Amino acid sequence: MKIPRDLYGRELAAALCRAWGYEKVNQVGSHVILQTENPVHHRLSVPDHKPLRLGTLNAILRDVAAAKRVTREEILASL
């Protein structure tokens, strides 16, 4: 699946909260801090940039996929 090139950080954070069990716990400047406890404790920083750079988006997807033990494609399908 192709990575979206026009995804905003705020949209990504909302999708992770809605579909993957993350919740917003803090915001420091332009970075939203998300956290989940399922299946393991995982904390994540998502920059609230417009749009996210591809390398940044790819790193976040890779990190979430490893924490949730799913593939990147499953996460992309939920965006």
Protein backbone atom coordinates (compact mmCIF):
# COMPACT_ATOMS: atom_id res chain seq x y z
CA MET A 1 0.00 0.00 0.00
CA LYS A 2 1.25 3.45 -0.89
CA ILE A 3 2.12 5.91 1.88
CA PRO A 4 -0.05 9.06 1.81
CA ARG A 5 1.93 12.21 1.06
CA ASP A 6 -0.59 14.73 2.38
CA LEU A 7 -1.23 13.39 5.88
CA TYR A 8 -1.16 15.91 8.71
CA GLY A 9 0.25 14.99 12.11
CA ARG A 10 -3.04 15.80 13.80
CA GLU A 11 -4.90 13.42 11.44
CA LEU A 12 -2.40 10.64 12.15
CA ALA A 13 -2.72 11.13 15.93
CA ALA A 14 -6.53 11.02 15.69
CA ALA A 15 -6.43 7.84 13.59
CA LEU A 16 -4.05 6.13 16.03
CA CYS A 17 -6.35 7.06 18.92
CA ARG A 18 -9.49 5.94 17.12
CA ALA A 19 -8.32 2.67 15.60
CA TRP A 20 -5.29 1.51 17.60
CA GLY A 21 -6.07 2.27 21.24
CA TYR A 22 -3.70 5.20 21.75
CA GLU A 23 -4.70 8.18 23.84
CA LYS A 24 -3.31 11.69 23.93
CA VAL A 25 -1.50 12.24 27.22
CA ASN A 26 0.39 15.47 26.58
CA GLN A 27 1.44 18.04 24.03
CA VAL A 28 4.84 19.70 24.09
CA GLY A 29 5.09 22.48 21.54
CA SER A 30 4.12 21.02 18.19
CA HIS A 31 4.51 17.38 19.28
CA VAL A 32 1.55 15.33 20.48
CA ILE A 33 2.46 12.57 22.94
CA LEU A 34 0.37 9.40 22.58
CA GLN A 35 0.40 6.38 24.85
CA THR A 36 -1.11 2.89 24.94
CA GLU A 37 -0.94 -0.02 27.36
CA ASN A 38 -2.18 -2.73 25.00
CA PRO A 39 -0.42 -5.17 24.35
CA VAL A 40 2.56 -3.44 26.01
CA HIS A 41 3.28 0.05 27.30
CA HIS A 42 4.22 2.23 24.35
CA ARG A 43 4.72 6.00 24.19
CA LEU A 44 4.96 7.86 20.91
CA SER A 45 5.59 11.43 19.80
CA VAL A 46 3.75 12.63 16.68
CA PRO A 47 4.76 16.03 15.28
CA ASP A 48 1.79 18.24 14.47
CA HIS A 49 3.21 19.30 11.10
CA LYS A 50 1.42 19.91 7.82
CA PRO A 51 2.02 17.53 6.07
CA LEU A 52 4.27 14.97 7.72
CA ARG A 53 7.52 14.21 5.91
CA LEU A 54 7.65 10.71 4.44
CA GLY A 55 10.61 9.58 6.55
CA THR A 56 8.90 10.76 9.74
CA LEU A 57 5.62 9.08 8.81
CA ASN A 58 7.44 5.88 7.87
CA ALA A 59 9.29 5.82 11.20
CA ILE A 60 6.06 6.33 13.18
CA LEU A 61 4.30 3.56 11.23
CA ARG A 62 7.23 1.21 11.77
CA ASP A 63 7.25 1.99 15.51
CA VAL A 64 3.49 1.46 15.93
CA ALA A 65 3.60 -1.75 13.88
CA ALA A 66 6.33 -3.18 16.11
CA ALA A 67 4.50 -2.21 19.32
CA LYS A 68 1.13 -3.57 18.15
CA ARG A 69 2.65 -6.61 16.40
CA VAL A 70 0.92 -5.89 13.08
CA THR A 71 2.11 -4.88 9.63
CA ARG A 72 2.46 -1.32 8.39
CA GLU A 73 -0.15 -2.06 5.73
CA GLU A 74 -2.77 -2.79 8.41
CA ILE A 75 -2.08 0.58 10.01
CA LEU A 76 -2.16 2.38 6.65
CA ALA A 77 -5.52 0.76 5.85
CA SER A 78 -7.01 2.32 8.98
CA LEU A 79 -5.93 5.88 8.12
